[in-house]
Every structure is written in structure tokens, then in C-alpha cells.
Amino acid sequence: MTEPDKKPLPTPADVVGQWAKAVVATEDAALAVLKAEMEGLSVLFGGESAARTPEEIKADEARTEAGFDNMPV
């Protein structure tokens, strides 16, 4: 007859360590879902990914103003 494997009970530190790993894995998964959701929304609604330079802003404003110059009164 063979003796059954006697595994020691986990210490509180082991239990807390496993719990912490589970919490981190859950947060990782939640952040991955949030990132995918935000990327999907940016495709649907558009948006700018980088900050614009002052020159780009001025050029945009000049195009808008030029469009107003041709409006009938």
C-alpha cells in the first residue's frame, strides 16, 4: 500500500499571493476590454489621435474664415 501524498496546507502568504495574482489578471482583462471598446468607438465616431500644432490650428481657422467670406448676406 502506498502512502497518500501529504501536501502541506497553504500559508496565508500563499493564499494572499494567489489572490493578488487573480486580482491583477482580472484588472488586466478589464483594461483590455476597455481599450478595445475605446478603439471601436474611435472608429465609429472619429477623433484625433495626436495634438495639433499651432500652425495646423491656424490653417484650420483660416480655412473656416475663408468659407465665411463667400456666404451670401
N, C-alpha and C. Protein backbone atom coordinates (compact mmCIF):
# COMPACT_ATOMS: atom_id res chain seq x y z
N MET A 1 0.83 -1.16 0.00
CA MET A 1 0.00 0.00 0.00
C MET A 1 0.89 1.24 0.00
N THR A 2 0.52 2.21 -0.84
CA THR A 2 1.33 3.43 -0.90
C THR A 2 0.71 4.50 -0.03
N GLU A 3 1.58 5.33 0.47
CA GLU A 3 1.10 6.43 1.31
C GLU A 3 0.56 7.55 0.43
N PRO A 4 -0.56 8.14 0.82
CA PRO A 4 -1.08 9.26 0.04
C PRO A 4 -0.13 10.46 0.15
N ASP A 5 -0.13 11.27 -0.92
CA ASP A 5 0.71 12.47 -0.89
C ASP A 5 0.18 13.42 0.17
N LYS A 6 1.07 13.79 1.05
CA LYS A 6 0.67 14.72 2.10
C LYS A 6 1.17 16.10 1.71
N LYS A 7 0.25 16.90 1.20
CA LYS A 7 0.61 18.27 0.83
C LYS A 7 0.35 19.17 2.02
N PRO A 8 1.30 20.03 2.31
CA PRO A 8 1.07 20.94 3.44
C PRO A 8 -0.02 21.96 3.09
N LEU A 9 -0.70 22.43 4.10
CA LEU A 9 -1.71 23.45 3.89
C LEU A 9 -1.03 24.74 3.42
N PRO A 10 -1.71 25.47 2.53
CA PRO A 10 -1.09 26.72 2.08
C PRO A 10 -1.02 27.74 3.22
N THR A 11 0.05 28.48 3.22
CA THR A 11 0.20 29.51 4.25
C THR A 11 -0.65 30.73 3.87
N PRO A 12 -0.95 31.56 4.82
CA PRO A 12 -1.71 32.77 4.48
C PRO A 12 -1.01 33.62 3.41
N ALA A 13 0.30 33.64 3.44
CA ALA A 13 1.03 34.41 2.43
C ALA A 13 0.80 33.83 1.03
N ASP A 14 0.74 32.50 0.93
CA ASP A 14 0.48 31.86 -0.36
C ASP A 14 -0.92 32.20 -0.86
N VAL A 15 -1.88 32.16 0.05
CA VAL A 15 -3.27 32.45 -0.32
C VAL A 15 -3.39 33.90 -0.79
N VAL A 16 -2.79 34.83 -0.05
CA VAL A 16 -2.85 36.24 -0.43
C VAL A 16 -2.12 36.47 -1.75
N GLY A 17 -1.02 35.77 -1.96
CA GLY A 17 -0.28 35.89 -3.22
C GLY A 17 -1.12 35.43 -4.40
N GLN A 18 -1.80 34.30 -4.24
CA GLN A 18 -2.66 33.79 -5.31
C GLN A 18 -3.84 34.75 -5.55
N TRP A 19 -4.39 35.29 -4.48
CA TRP A 19 -5.50 36.23 -4.60
C TRP A 19 -5.05 37.48 -5.34
N ALA A 20 -3.87 37.98 -5.01
CA ALA A 20 -3.35 39.19 -5.67
C ALA A 20 -3.13 38.94 -7.16
N LYS A 21 -2.61 37.76 -7.50
CA LYS A 21 -2.42 37.43 -8.92
C LYS A 21 -3.75 37.38 -9.65
N ALA A 22 -4.77 36.85 -9.01
CA ALA A 22 -6.10 36.78 -9.62
C ALA A 22 -6.68 38.17 -9.82
N VAL A 23 -6.49 39.05 -8.85
CA VAL A 23 -7.00 40.42 -8.96
C VAL A 23 -6.30 41.15 -10.11
N VAL A 24 -4.99 41.00 -10.20
CA VAL A 24 -4.24 41.66 -11.27
C VAL A 24 -4.67 41.12 -12.63
N ALA A 25 -4.86 39.82 -12.74
CA ALA A 25 -5.30 39.23 -14.01
C ALA A 25 -6.69 39.75 -14.39
N THR A 26 -7.56 39.90 -13.42
CA THR A 26 -8.90 40.43 -13.69
C THR A 26 -8.82 41.87 -14.16
N GLU A 27 -8.01 42.68 -13.51
CA GLU A 27 -7.86 44.07 -13.92
C GLU A 27 -7.26 44.18 -15.31
N ASP A 28 -6.28 43.31 -15.62
CA ASP A 28 -5.69 43.28 -16.96
C ASP A 28 -6.76 42.99 -18.01
N ALA A 29 -7.59 42.01 -17.74
CA ALA A 29 -8.65 41.66 -18.68
C ALA A 29 -9.64 42.81 -18.85
N ALA A 30 -10.00 43.45 -17.75
CA ALA A 30 -10.95 44.56 -17.82
C ALA A 30 -10.36 45.73 -18.60
N LEU A 31 -9.08 46.02 -18.40
CA LEU A 31 -8.45 47.11 -19.14
C LEU A 31 -8.33 46.78 -20.63
N ALA A 32 -8.09 45.52 -20.95
CA ALA A 32 -8.02 45.12 -22.36
C ALA A 32 -9.38 45.29 -23.03
N VAL A 33 -10.45 44.95 -22.32
CA VAL A 33 -11.80 45.14 -22.87
C VAL A 33 -12.09 46.63 -23.04
N LEU A 34 -11.72 47.45 -22.06
CA LEU A 34 -11.94 48.89 -22.14
C LEU A 34 -11.17 49.48 -23.32
N LYS A 35 -9.94 49.05 -23.52
CA LYS A 35 -9.14 49.55 -24.64
C LYS A 35 -9.80 49.19 -25.97
N ALA A 36 -10.25 47.96 -26.10
CA ALA A 36 -10.90 47.53 -27.34
C ALA A 36 -12.18 48.34 -27.57
N GLU A 37 -12.92 48.60 -26.51
CA GLU A 37 -14.15 49.38 -26.61
C GLU A 37 -13.85 50.81 -27.06
N MET A 38 -12.82 51.42 -26.50
CA MET A 38 -12.46 52.78 -26.87
C MET A 38 -11.97 52.85 -28.30
N GLU A 39 -11.20 51.85 -28.74
CA GLU A 39 -10.73 51.84 -30.13
C GLU A 39 -11.91 51.69 -31.08
N GLY A 40 -12.88 50.85 -30.72
CA GLY A 40 -14.06 50.69 -31.56
C GLY A 40 -14.86 51.97 -31.64
N LEU A 41 -15.02 52.66 -30.52
CA LEU A 41 -15.75 53.92 -30.54
C LEU A 41 -15.02 54.99 -31.34
N SER A 42 -13.69 54.99 -31.29
CA SER A 42 -12.96 56.00 -32.07
C SER A 42 -13.12 55.75 -33.57
N VAL A 43 -13.30 54.49 -33.96
CA VAL A 43 -13.55 54.18 -35.37
C VAL A 43 -14.94 54.67 -35.76
N LEU A 44 -15.92 54.45 -34.89
CA LEU A 44 -17.29 54.86 -35.19
C LEU A 44 -17.46 56.38 -35.21
N PHE A 45 -16.91 57.05 -34.22
CA PHE A 45 -17.15 58.47 -34.07
C PHE A 45 -16.00 59.34 -34.55
N GLY A 46 -14.90 58.74 -34.92
CA GLY A 46 -13.75 59.52 -35.35
C GLY A 46 -13.06 60.17 -34.17
N GLY A 47 -12.10 60.95 -34.48
CA GLY A 47 -11.38 61.64 -33.41
C GLY A 47 -9.94 61.82 -33.82
N GLU A 48 -9.29 62.66 -33.09
CA GLU A 48 -7.90 62.93 -33.39
C GLU A 48 -7.03 62.16 -32.41
N SER A 49 -5.98 61.58 -32.94
CA SER A 49 -5.14 60.75 -32.08
C SER A 49 -3.97 61.54 -31.48
N ALA A 50 -3.59 62.65 -32.13
CA ALA A 50 -2.45 63.40 -31.62
C ALA A 50 -2.83 64.88 -31.51
N ALA A 51 -2.12 65.57 -30.67
CA ALA A 51 -2.35 67.01 -30.51
C ALA A 51 -1.90 67.74 -31.77
N ARG A 52 -2.64 68.78 -32.12
CA ARG A 52 -2.28 69.54 -33.32
C ARG A 52 -1.33 70.66 -32.96
N THR A 53 -0.50 71.02 -33.92
CA THR A 53 0.45 72.12 -33.72
C THR A 53 -0.28 73.44 -33.89
N PRO A 54 0.28 74.52 -33.37
CA PRO A 54 -0.35 75.83 -33.56
C PRO A 54 -0.51 76.20 -35.04
N GLU A 55 0.43 75.78 -35.87
CA GLU A 55 0.34 76.07 -37.31
C GLU A 55 -0.87 75.37 -37.92
N GLU A 56 -1.11 74.14 -37.51
CA GLU A 56 -2.27 73.39 -38.03
C GLU A 56 -3.58 74.04 -37.57
N ILE A 57 -3.60 74.50 -36.36
CA ILE A 57 -4.80 75.16 -35.83
C ILE A 57 -5.07 76.44 -36.60
N LYS A 58 -4.00 77.25 -36.85
CA LYS A 58 -4.17 78.49 -37.61
C LYS A 58 -4.66 78.20 -39.03
N ALA A 59 -4.12 77.18 -39.67
CA ALA A 59 -4.53 76.83 -41.03
C ALA A 59 -6.00 76.41 -41.04
N ASP A 60 -6.42 75.66 -40.04
CA ASP A 60 -7.83 75.26 -39.91
C ASP A 60 -8.74 76.48 -39.76
N GLU A 61 -8.34 77.39 -38.89
CA GLU A 61 -9.14 78.59 -38.67
C GLU A 61 -9.20 79.45 -39.92
N ALA A 62 -8.09 79.54 -40.67
CA ALA A 62 -8.07 80.32 -41.90
C ALA A 62 -9.01 79.71 -42.94
N ARG A 63 -9.05 78.38 -43.04
CA ARG A 63 -9.98 77.72 -43.97
C ARG A 63 -11.43 78.00 -43.57
N THR A 64 -11.70 77.97 -42.29
CA THR A 64 -13.06 78.24 -41.82
C THR A 64 -13.45 79.68 -42.14
N GLU A 65 -12.56 80.62 -41.87
CA GLU A 65 -12.84 82.04 -42.14
C GLU A 65 -13.01 82.27 -43.64
N ALA A 66 -12.21 81.62 -44.46
CA ALA A 66 -12.33 81.77 -45.91
C ALA A 66 -13.69 81.29 -46.39
N GLY A 67 -14.22 80.26 -45.77
CA GLY A 67 -15.55 79.75 -46.12
C GLY A 67 -16.63 80.75 -45.77
N PHE A 68 -16.46 81.54 -44.71
CA PHE A 68 -17.45 82.53 -44.32
C PHE A 68 -17.43 83.72 -45.29
N ASP A 69 -16.29 84.01 -45.90
CA ASP A 69 -16.19 85.16 -46.79
C ASP A 69 -17.09 85.01 -48.02
N ASN A 70 -17.40 83.81 -48.43
CA ASN A 70 -18.20 83.58 -49.64
C ASN A 70 -19.67 83.39 -49.35
N MET A 71 -20.09 83.62 -48.13
CA MET A 71 -21.50 83.43 -47.78
C MET A 71 -22.36 84.60 -48.22
N PRO A 72 -23.54 84.32 -48.74
CA PRO A 72 -24.42 85.45 -49.12
C PRO A 72 -24.94 86.16 -47.88
N VAL A 73 -25.20 87.41 -48.02
CA VAL A 73 -25.67 88.22 -46.88
C VAL A 73 -27.18 88.23 -46.83
